[in-house]
Amino acid sequence: MAGRCAAGSVLAALMLLIAAPGAARAQDEGLGLPPGTSAPDAQVEDLEGNAVSLLNVIGGGPALVEFWASWCEQCELLQPQIDEIQERFAEQVKVVAVAVAVNQSVRRVRRHVERHAPGYAFVYDANGEAVRAYQALTTSIVVLIDGEGRVVSTGVGPQQPLVEAVEAMLGGG
C-alpha cells in the first residue's frame, strides 16, 4: 500500500510540473534526473569546509534540493516559494541548497546565509560532484526526493509550482 501511495504522489507531482504554464521540466532541457531514479550521493562540503555526504544532509525523509548560486537571478525568483515550503513543511520536508562553485566561494555563501538566515541547510559543491550526480548543469534546478529516496521531479527556473508539487508529494499536504 505504501508503494501505491508513493507512486500516486510521484504521479501527482509530475502532473503538476507538466501542466503548469511556463514551468520547465529539467528533462525537457536535457538536464536533471528522471522521476523514479534513486537519489545519488555526492561528496559536498558544509560551510566550514568539512566533507559531508549529500544524502546524509538530505536525511531519510522527503527533501527539496535546489542547485543554487548567490548570483543567480532565477534562484532569487524561486526564493519566496522555497521560503513558504520551509515555513509550512519544515517538519516534513528537508530543504537543502547546494551552492555551486561557479563564480562564488564558500565564504560568499556563508555571508549570504548569515545575512538571510533561511533556516535550512546549505552545502558547497566545491568539486562539482553533486552537479554531475544530479545532472544539474545550471542553477535554479530543484529536485524533489520522496521518503524512499527516489526523485519525484526535477524542474528548472522560477516558474516551477514548487509548493503544489511538495503538497502532492506529501499526499495533499
N, C-alpha and C. Protein backbone atom coordinates (compact mmCIF):
# COMPACT_ATOMS: atom_id res chain seq x y z
N MET A 1 0.83 -1.20 0.00
CA MET A 1 0.00 0.00 0.00
C MET A 1 0.87 1.25 0.00
N ALA A 2 1.95 1.24 0.79
CA ALA A 2 2.82 2.42 0.83
C ALA A 2 3.41 2.69 -0.55
N GLY A 3 3.73 1.63 -1.30
CA GLY A 3 4.27 1.80 -2.64
C GLY A 3 3.27 2.47 -3.57
N ARG A 4 1.96 2.09 -3.43
CA ARG A 4 0.94 2.71 -4.26
C ARG A 4 0.76 4.17 -3.92
N CYS A 5 0.80 4.51 -2.63
CA CYS A 5 0.69 5.93 -2.22
C CYS A 5 1.87 6.73 -2.76
N ALA A 6 3.07 6.15 -2.65
CA ALA A 6 4.25 6.85 -3.14
C ALA A 6 4.16 7.04 -4.65
N ALA A 7 3.71 6.00 -5.37
CA ALA A 7 3.57 6.12 -6.81
C ALA A 7 2.54 7.18 -7.17
N GLY A 8 1.46 7.23 -6.41
CA GLY A 8 0.44 8.25 -6.65
C GLY A 8 0.98 9.64 -6.41
N SER A 9 1.78 9.79 -5.37
CA SER A 9 2.38 11.10 -5.07
C SER A 9 3.34 11.52 -6.16
N VAL A 10 4.13 10.57 -6.65
CA VAL A 10 5.07 10.87 -7.73
C VAL A 10 4.28 11.31 -8.96
N LEU A 11 3.24 10.57 -9.30
CA LEU A 11 2.45 10.91 -10.48
C LEU A 11 1.78 12.28 -10.32
N ALA A 12 1.21 12.56 -9.14
CA ALA A 12 0.55 13.85 -8.93
C ALA A 12 1.53 15.00 -9.04
N ALA A 13 2.71 14.86 -8.45
CA ALA A 13 3.71 15.93 -8.53
C ALA A 13 4.19 16.12 -9.96
N LEU A 14 4.40 15.01 -10.67
CA LEU A 14 4.84 15.09 -12.05
C LEU A 14 3.78 15.79 -12.90
N MET A 15 2.52 15.46 -12.70
CA MET A 15 1.45 16.08 -13.48
C MET A 15 1.38 17.58 -13.22
N LEU A 16 1.58 17.99 -11.98
CA LEU A 16 1.60 19.43 -11.68
C LEU A 16 2.71 20.13 -12.45
N LEU A 17 3.88 19.52 -12.47
CA LEU A 17 5.00 20.15 -13.16
C LEU A 17 4.79 20.18 -14.67
N ILE A 18 4.16 19.15 -15.21
CA ILE A 18 3.91 19.12 -16.64
C ILE A 18 2.84 20.14 -17.02
N ALA A 19 1.80 20.24 -16.19
CA ALA A 19 0.65 21.07 -16.54
C ALA A 19 0.85 22.55 -16.27
N ALA A 20 1.79 22.90 -15.43
CA ALA A 20 1.95 24.30 -15.05
C ALA A 20 2.41 25.14 -16.22
N PRO A 21 1.67 26.21 -16.55
CA PRO A 21 2.10 27.05 -17.67
C PRO A 21 3.43 27.71 -17.36
N GLY A 22 4.33 27.65 -18.30
CA GLY A 22 5.63 28.29 -18.14
C GLY A 22 6.63 27.49 -17.32
N ALA A 23 6.17 26.40 -16.69
CA ALA A 23 7.08 25.59 -15.90
C ALA A 23 7.91 24.73 -16.84
N ALA A 24 9.17 24.58 -16.55
CA ALA A 24 10.04 23.77 -17.38
C ALA A 24 10.51 22.56 -16.60
N ARG A 25 10.26 21.39 -17.17
CA ARG A 25 10.86 20.20 -16.59
C ARG A 25 12.30 20.19 -17.04
N ALA A 26 13.18 19.89 -16.14
CA ALA A 26 14.61 19.91 -16.47
C ALA A 26 14.92 18.92 -17.59
N GLN A 27 14.21 17.78 -17.64
CA GLN A 27 14.48 16.80 -18.69
C GLN A 27 14.19 17.39 -20.08
N ASP A 28 13.23 18.31 -20.16
CA ASP A 28 12.94 18.96 -21.44
C ASP A 28 14.14 19.77 -21.92
N GLU A 29 14.98 20.18 -21.00
CA GLU A 29 16.16 20.97 -21.32
C GLU A 29 17.42 20.11 -21.37
N GLY A 30 17.25 18.78 -21.24
CA GLY A 30 18.40 17.88 -21.22
C GLY A 30 19.14 17.91 -19.91
N LEU A 31 18.46 18.28 -18.84
CA LEU A 31 19.07 18.41 -17.52
C LEU A 31 18.32 17.53 -16.52
N GLY A 32 18.99 17.17 -15.45
CA GLY A 32 18.33 16.53 -14.32
C GLY A 32 18.07 15.05 -14.50
N LEU A 33 17.71 14.44 -13.38
CA LEU A 33 17.42 13.01 -13.32
C LEU A 33 15.93 12.78 -13.53
N PRO A 34 15.55 11.73 -14.20
CA PRO A 34 14.14 11.46 -14.42
C PRO A 34 13.45 10.95 -13.14
N PRO A 35 12.14 11.17 -13.04
CA PRO A 35 11.38 10.65 -11.89
C PRO A 35 11.59 9.15 -11.75
N GLY A 36 11.65 8.70 -10.49
CA GLY A 36 11.83 7.30 -10.18
C GLY A 36 13.27 6.90 -9.97
N THR A 37 14.22 7.76 -10.37
CA THR A 37 15.64 7.50 -10.18
C THR A 37 15.98 7.57 -8.70
N SER A 38 16.80 6.66 -8.22
CA SER A 38 17.28 6.76 -6.83
C SER A 38 18.17 7.99 -6.72
N ALA A 39 17.94 8.78 -5.67
CA ALA A 39 18.75 9.97 -5.45
C ALA A 39 20.20 9.55 -5.20
N PRO A 40 21.12 10.04 -6.02
CA PRO A 40 22.52 9.65 -5.84
C PRO A 40 23.18 10.43 -4.69
N ASP A 41 24.24 9.85 -4.18
CA ASP A 41 25.02 10.55 -3.17
C ASP A 41 26.12 11.33 -3.87
N ALA A 42 26.68 12.29 -3.16
CA ALA A 42 27.81 13.07 -3.66
C ALA A 42 28.52 13.67 -2.45
N GLN A 43 29.82 13.82 -2.57
CA GLN A 43 30.58 14.49 -1.52
C GLN A 43 30.49 15.99 -1.76
N VAL A 44 30.04 16.71 -0.75
CA VAL A 44 29.97 18.16 -0.76
C VAL A 44 30.66 18.64 0.51
N GLU A 45 30.66 19.93 0.74
CA GLU A 45 31.26 20.47 1.96
C GLU A 45 30.21 21.24 2.75
N ASP A 46 30.31 21.14 4.07
CA ASP A 46 29.50 22.06 4.88
C ASP A 46 30.16 23.43 4.77
N LEU A 47 29.56 24.43 5.37
CA LEU A 47 30.10 25.79 5.20
C LEU A 47 31.34 26.06 6.03
N GLU A 48 31.80 25.05 6.77
CA GLU A 48 33.09 25.15 7.46
C GLU A 48 34.19 24.45 6.68
N GLY A 49 33.84 23.87 5.52
CA GLY A 49 34.83 23.22 4.68
C GLY A 49 35.01 21.74 4.93
N ASN A 50 34.18 21.15 5.77
CA ASN A 50 34.26 19.71 6.06
C ASN A 50 33.53 18.91 5.00
N ALA A 51 34.12 17.81 4.56
CA ALA A 51 33.48 16.93 3.59
C ALA A 51 32.28 16.25 4.25
N VAL A 52 31.15 16.26 3.55
CA VAL A 52 29.93 15.60 4.04
C VAL A 52 29.24 14.91 2.87
N SER A 53 28.46 13.92 3.20
CA SER A 53 27.66 13.21 2.21
C SER A 53 26.36 13.98 1.98
N LEU A 54 26.04 14.26 0.72
CA LEU A 54 24.80 14.96 0.42
C LEU A 54 23.60 14.17 0.92
N LEU A 55 23.59 12.85 0.76
CA LEU A 55 22.46 12.05 1.24
C LEU A 55 22.33 12.12 2.76
N ASN A 56 23.44 12.24 3.48
CA ASN A 56 23.36 12.41 4.93
C ASN A 56 22.73 13.75 5.29
N VAL A 57 23.05 14.78 4.51
CA VAL A 57 22.47 16.11 4.76
C VAL A 57 20.97 16.07 4.44
N ILE A 58 20.61 15.41 3.34
CA ILE A 58 19.21 15.31 2.95
C ILE A 58 18.42 14.53 3.99
N GLY A 59 19.01 13.49 4.53
CA GLY A 59 18.32 12.67 5.53
C GLY A 59 17.42 11.64 4.86
N GLY A 60 16.63 10.96 5.68
CA GLY A 60 15.83 9.85 5.17
C GLY A 60 14.45 10.21 4.67
N GLY A 61 13.98 11.39 4.97
CA GLY A 61 12.61 11.73 4.60
C GLY A 61 12.54 12.47 3.29
N PRO A 62 11.37 12.96 2.94
CA PRO A 62 11.22 13.76 1.72
C PRO A 62 12.12 15.00 1.78
N ALA A 63 12.59 15.42 0.60
CA ALA A 63 13.51 16.56 0.54
C ALA A 63 13.29 17.37 -0.73
N LEU A 64 13.64 18.64 -0.63
CA LEU A 64 13.73 19.54 -1.77
C LEU A 64 15.17 19.99 -1.84
N VAL A 65 15.82 19.75 -2.97
CA VAL A 65 17.22 20.12 -3.17
C VAL A 65 17.28 21.13 -4.30
N GLU A 66 17.81 22.32 -4.00
CA GLU A 66 17.95 23.35 -5.02
C GLU A 66 19.43 23.54 -5.34
N PHE A 67 19.76 23.55 -6.62
CA PHE A 67 21.11 23.88 -7.06
C PHE A 67 21.12 25.39 -7.25
N TRP A 68 21.92 26.07 -6.44
CA TRP A 68 21.77 27.48 -6.15
C TRP A 68 23.10 28.22 -6.30
N ALA A 69 23.00 29.52 -6.59
CA ALA A 69 24.16 30.41 -6.54
C ALA A 69 23.70 31.78 -6.06
N SER A 70 24.56 32.46 -5.35
CA SER A 70 24.22 33.79 -4.81
C SER A 70 23.96 34.79 -5.92
N TRP A 71 24.54 34.58 -7.10
CA TRP A 71 24.39 35.50 -8.22
C TRP A 71 23.24 35.12 -9.16
N CYS A 72 22.53 34.05 -8.85
CA CYS A 72 21.51 33.50 -9.75
C CYS A 72 20.16 34.23 -9.58
N GLU A 73 19.78 34.99 -10.60
CA GLU A 73 18.51 35.72 -10.56
C GLU A 73 17.32 34.76 -10.55
N GLN A 74 17.42 33.64 -11.26
CA GLN A 74 16.34 32.64 -11.26
C GLN A 74 16.14 32.07 -9.86
N CYS A 75 17.25 31.84 -9.15
CA CYS A 75 17.17 31.33 -7.77
C CYS A 75 16.48 32.35 -6.87
N GLU A 76 16.80 33.60 -7.07
CA GLU A 76 16.17 34.67 -6.28
C GLU A 76 14.66 34.69 -6.51
N LEU A 77 14.23 34.46 -7.74
CA LEU A 77 12.80 34.43 -8.04
C LEU A 77 12.11 33.20 -7.45
N LEU A 78 12.86 32.12 -7.26
CA LEU A 78 12.32 30.90 -6.62
C LEU A 78 12.21 31.05 -5.10
N GLN A 79 12.96 31.98 -4.53
CA GLN A 79 13.09 32.08 -3.08
C GLN A 79 11.78 32.18 -2.31
N PRO A 80 10.79 32.98 -2.76
CA PRO A 80 9.54 33.04 -1.99
C PRO A 80 8.86 31.68 -1.85
N GLN A 81 8.89 30.86 -2.90
CA GLN A 81 8.29 29.53 -2.80
C GLN A 81 9.08 28.64 -1.84
N ILE A 82 10.40 28.71 -1.92
CA ILE A 82 11.22 27.88 -1.05
C ILE A 82 11.05 28.31 0.40
N ASP A 83 10.95 29.63 0.64
CA ASP A 83 10.67 30.12 1.99
C ASP A 83 9.33 29.60 2.50
N GLU A 84 8.31 29.60 1.63
CA GLU A 84 7.00 29.10 2.03
C GLU A 84 7.05 27.60 2.36
N ILE A 85 7.77 26.85 1.56
CA ILE A 85 7.92 25.41 1.82
C ILE A 85 8.62 25.19 3.14
N GLN A 86 9.68 25.96 3.40
CA GLN A 86 10.39 25.83 4.68
C GLN A 86 9.46 26.18 5.84
N GLU A 87 8.68 27.22 5.68
CA GLU A 87 7.78 27.64 6.75
C GLU A 87 6.66 26.62 6.99
N ARG A 88 6.05 26.14 5.93
CA ARG A 88 4.89 25.26 6.05
C ARG A 88 5.23 23.79 6.29
N PHE A 89 6.35 23.34 5.72
CA PHE A 89 6.61 21.90 5.71
C PHE A 89 7.94 21.51 6.36
N ALA A 90 8.52 22.37 7.18
CA ALA A 90 9.84 22.11 7.75
C ALA A 90 9.89 20.79 8.52
N GLU A 91 8.79 20.39 9.12
CA GLU A 91 8.76 19.13 9.88
C GLU A 91 8.65 17.91 8.97
N GLN A 92 8.26 18.12 7.70
CA GLN A 92 8.01 17.00 6.80
C GLN A 92 9.00 16.91 5.65
N VAL A 93 9.58 18.05 5.26
CA VAL A 93 10.45 18.09 4.08
C VAL A 93 11.75 18.80 4.44
N LYS A 94 12.86 18.16 4.15
CA LYS A 94 14.17 18.77 4.38
C LYS A 94 14.53 19.60 3.16
N VAL A 95 14.78 20.88 3.36
CA VAL A 95 15.20 21.76 2.27
C VAL A 95 16.72 21.89 2.34
N VAL A 96 17.37 21.67 1.20
CA VAL A 96 18.82 21.76 1.12
C VAL A 96 19.19 22.56 -0.12
N ALA A 97 20.00 23.58 0.06
CA ALA A 97 20.54 24.34 -1.06
C ALA A 97 21.97 23.86 -1.32
N VAL A 98 22.21 23.44 -2.55
CA VAL A 98 23.55 23.03 -2.96
C VAL A 98 24.14 24.21 -3.71
N ALA A 99 25.07 24.89 -3.07
CA ALA A 99 25.72 26.05 -3.68
C ALA A 99 26.77 25.56 -4.67
N VAL A 100 26.58 25.92 -5.93
CA VAL A 100 27.55 25.53 -6.94
C VAL A 100 28.81 26.37 -6.77
N ALA A 101 29.92 25.84 -7.27
CA ALA A 101 31.21 26.51 -7.08
C ALA A 101 31.58 27.43 -8.23
N VAL A 102 30.61 27.77 -9.06
CA VAL A 102 30.87 28.63 -10.21
C VAL A 102 30.74 30.09 -9.79
N ASN A 103 31.80 30.85 -9.90
CA ASN A 103 31.81 32.28 -9.59
C ASN A 103 31.36 32.61 -8.17
N GLN A 104 31.58 31.70 -7.25
CA GLN A 104 31.32 32.02 -5.84
C GLN A 104 32.19 31.12 -4.96
N SER A 105 32.50 31.64 -3.82
CA SER A 105 33.32 30.91 -2.86
C SER A 105 32.45 30.49 -1.68
N VAL A 106 32.97 29.59 -0.88
CA VAL A 106 32.24 29.18 0.32
C VAL A 106 32.07 30.38 1.25
N ARG A 107 33.03 31.27 1.25
CA ARG A 107 32.94 32.49 2.08
C ARG A 107 31.74 33.35 1.65
N ARG A 108 31.54 33.48 0.35
CA ARG A 108 30.41 34.25 -0.17
C ARG A 108 29.08 33.58 0.20
N VAL A 109 29.04 32.27 0.14
CA VAL A 109 27.83 31.53 0.52
C VAL A 109 27.56 31.73 2.01
N ARG A 110 28.60 31.63 2.84
CA ARG A 110 28.42 31.86 4.30
C ARG A 110 27.86 33.25 4.57
N ARG A 111 28.37 34.26 3.87
CA ARG A 111 27.86 35.63 4.06
C ARG A 111 26.39 35.71 3.70
N HIS A 112 26.00 35.06 2.61
CA HIS A 112 24.59 35.05 2.20
C HIS A 112 23.72 34.41 3.30
N VAL A 113 24.15 33.27 3.80
CA VAL A 113 23.38 32.56 4.84
C VAL A 113 23.30 33.41 6.11
N GLU A 114 24.40 34.04 6.50
CA GLU A 114 24.39 34.90 7.69
C GLU A 114 23.45 36.08 7.51
N ARG A 115 23.44 36.65 6.32
CA ARG A 115 22.59 37.82 6.04
C ARG A 115 21.11 37.46 5.98
N HIS A 116 20.79 36.31 5.39
CA HIS A 116 19.39 35.98 5.10
C HIS A 116 18.78 34.96 6.06
N ALA A 117 19.57 34.22 6.79
CA ALA A 117 19.09 33.23 7.76
C ALA A 117 17.90 32.42 7.25
N PRO A 118 18.11 31.62 6.19
CA PRO A 118 17.00 30.91 5.57
C PRO A 118 16.37 29.81 6.43
N GLY A 119 17.12 29.29 7.40
CA GLY A 119 16.56 28.27 8.27
C GLY A 119 16.69 26.86 7.73
N TYR A 120 17.39 26.67 6.62
CA TYR A 120 17.60 25.33 6.09
C TYR A 120 19.07 25.18 5.71
N ALA A 121 19.44 23.95 5.36
CA ALA A 121 20.84 23.60 5.14
C ALA A 121 21.37 24.13 3.81
N PHE A 122 22.60 24.61 3.86
CA PHE A 122 23.36 24.97 2.66
C PHE A 122 24.63 24.14 2.68
N VAL A 123 24.97 23.59 1.53
CA VAL A 123 26.24 22.89 1.36
C VAL A 123 26.92 23.48 0.13
N TYR A 124 28.22 23.27 0.04
CA TYR A 124 29.02 23.83 -1.05
C TYR A 124 29.55 22.68 -1.90
N ASP A 125 29.28 22.73 -3.19
CA ASP A 125 29.70 21.68 -4.12
C ASP A 125 31.03 22.07 -4.75
N ALA A 126 32.08 22.04 -3.94
CA ALA A 126 33.40 22.54 -4.34
C ALA A 126 33.93 21.89 -5.61
N ASN A 127 33.73 20.59 -5.76
CA ASN A 127 34.29 19.86 -6.89
C ASN A 127 33.26 19.54 -7.97
N GLY A 128 32.03 20.00 -7.81
CA GLY A 128 31.00 19.74 -8.80
C GLY A 128 30.46 18.33 -8.79
N GLU A 129 30.75 17.57 -7.74
CA GLU A 129 30.30 16.18 -7.69
C GLU A 129 28.78 16.07 -7.65
N ALA A 130 28.12 16.92 -6.87
CA ALA A 130 26.65 16.89 -6.80
C ALA A 130 26.03 17.34 -8.12
N VAL A 131 26.62 18.37 -8.72
CA VAL A 131 26.14 18.86 -10.02
C VAL A 131 26.17 17.72 -11.04
N ARG A 132 27.26 16.98 -11.08
CA ARG A 132 27.37 15.87 -12.03
C ARG A 132 26.40 14.73 -11.67
N ALA A 133 26.33 14.39 -10.41
CA ALA A 133 25.47 13.27 -9.98
C ALA A 133 24.00 13.52 -10.29
N TYR A 134 23.58 14.77 -10.15
CA TYR A 134 22.17 15.12 -10.37
C TYR A 134 21.93 15.72 -11.76
N GLN A 135 22.97 15.77 -12.57
CA GLN A 135 22.89 16.33 -13.92
C GLN A 135 22.30 17.74 -13.89
N ALA A 136 22.72 18.50 -12.89
CA ALA A 136 22.23 19.86 -12.66
C ALA A 136 23.24 20.85 -13.22
N LEU A 137 23.26 20.97 -14.53
CA LEU A 137 24.29 21.75 -15.19
C LEU A 137 23.96 23.22 -15.30
N THR A 138 23.01 23.67 -14.51
CA THR A 138 22.67 25.09 -14.41
C THR A 138 22.14 25.32 -13.00
N THR A 139 21.96 26.56 -12.64
CA THR A 139 21.36 26.85 -11.34
C THR A 139 19.85 26.89 -11.50
N SER A 140 19.15 27.02 -10.41
CA SER A 140 17.69 27.04 -10.30
C SER A 140 17.05 25.71 -10.64
N ILE A 141 17.84 24.64 -10.61
CA ILE A 141 17.27 23.29 -10.73
C ILE A 141 16.84 22.87 -9.33
N VAL A 142 15.61 22.38 -9.25
CA VAL A 142 15.06 21.91 -7.98
C VAL A 142 14.66 20.45 -8.15
N VAL A 143 15.15 19.62 -7.23
CA VAL A 143 14.86 18.19 -7.25
C VAL A 143 14.03 17.87 -6.01
N LEU A 144 12.88 17.22 -6.22
CA LEU A 144 12.09 16.71 -5.11
C LEU A 144 12.39 15.23 -4.96
N ILE A 145 12.66 14.82 -3.72
CA ILE A 145 13.00 13.44 -3.41
C ILE A 145 12.00 12.93 -2.38
N ASP A 146 11.41 11.77 -2.64
CA ASP A 146 10.41 11.24 -1.72
C ASP A 146 11.06 10.55 -0.53
N GLY A 147 10.23 10.06 0.38
CA GLY A 147 10.71 9.42 1.59
C GLY A 147 11.42 8.10 1.35
N GLU A 148 11.32 7.56 0.15
CA GLU A 148 12.01 6.33 -0.19
C GLU A 148 13.30 6.60 -0.95
N GLY A 149 13.67 7.87 -1.05
CA GLY A 149 14.93 8.23 -1.69
C GLY A 149 14.90 8.25 -3.20
N ARG A 150 13.72 8.39 -3.78
CA ARG A 150 13.60 8.45 -5.24
C ARG A 150 13.25 9.86 -5.69
N VAL A 151 13.76 10.23 -6.86
CA VAL A 151 13.45 11.52 -7.45
C VAL A 151 11.98 11.52 -7.85
N VAL A 152 11.24 12.51 -7.37
CA VAL A 152 9.84 12.69 -7.73
C VAL A 152 9.75 13.57 -8.97
N SER A 153 10.53 14.65 -8.96
CA SER A 153 10.54 15.56 -10.09
C SER A 153 11.82 16.38 -10.08
N THR A 154 12.18 16.86 -11.26
CA THR A 154 13.31 17.78 -11.41
C THR A 154 12.82 18.89 -12.33
N GLY A 155 12.85 20.11 -11.82
CA GLY A 155 12.42 21.25 -12.62
C GLY A 155 13.50 22.30 -12.66
N VAL A 156 13.32 23.27 -13.55
CA VAL A 156 14.31 24.32 -13.69
C VAL A 156 13.59 25.66 -13.89
N GLY A 157 14.15 26.69 -13.30
CA GLY A 157 13.63 28.03 -13.50
C GLY A 157 12.59 28.45 -12.47
N PRO A 158 12.23 29.73 -12.50
CA PRO A 158 11.38 30.31 -11.45
C PRO A 158 9.88 30.02 -11.60
N GLN A 159 9.45 29.41 -12.70
CA GLN A 159 8.02 29.16 -12.89
C GLN A 159 7.56 27.81 -12.34
N GLN A 160 8.42 27.12 -11.63
CA GLN A 160 8.05 25.82 -11.07
C GLN A 160 6.99 25.99 -9.98
N PRO A 161 5.93 25.19 -10.00
CA PRO A 161 4.93 25.24 -8.92
C PRO A 161 5.39 24.39 -7.74
N LEU A 162 6.40 24.85 -7.03
CA LEU A 162 7.04 24.03 -6.01
C LEU A 162 6.14 23.72 -4.82
N VAL A 163 5.39 24.70 -4.35
CA VAL A 163 4.53 24.47 -3.19
C VAL A 163 3.52 23.38 -3.52
N GLU A 164 2.89 23.47 -4.69
CA GLU A 164 1.91 22.47 -5.10
C GLU A 164 2.56 21.10 -5.28
N ALA A 165 3.77 21.07 -5.84
CA ALA A 165 4.47 19.81 -6.04
C ALA A 165 4.82 19.16 -4.71
N VAL A 166 5.23 19.95 -3.72
CA VAL A 166 5.52 19.40 -2.39
C VAL A 166 4.24 18.89 -1.76
N GLU A 167 3.15 19.64 -1.86
CA GLU A 167 1.88 19.18 -1.32
C GLU A 167 1.49 17.84 -1.95
N ALA A 168 1.63 17.73 -3.26
CA ALA A 168 1.28 16.48 -3.95
C ALA A 168 2.20 15.34 -3.50
N MET A 169 3.49 15.63 -3.36
CA MET A 169 4.44 14.61 -2.92
C MET A 169 4.07 14.08 -1.54
N LEU A 170 3.58 14.98 -0.70
CA LEU A 170 3.21 14.60 0.67
C LEU A 170 1.80 14.02 0.75
N GLY A 171 1.14 13.92 -0.38
CA GLY A 171 -0.19 13.32 -0.38
C GLY A 171 -1.28 14.31 -0.03
N GLY A 172 -1.14 15.55 -0.46
CA GLY A 172 -2.19 16.54 -0.23
C GLY A 172 -1.85 17.57 0.84
N GLY A 173 -0.65 17.47 1.46
CA GLY A 173 -0.21 18.48 2.40
C GLY A 173 -0.85 18.33 3.72
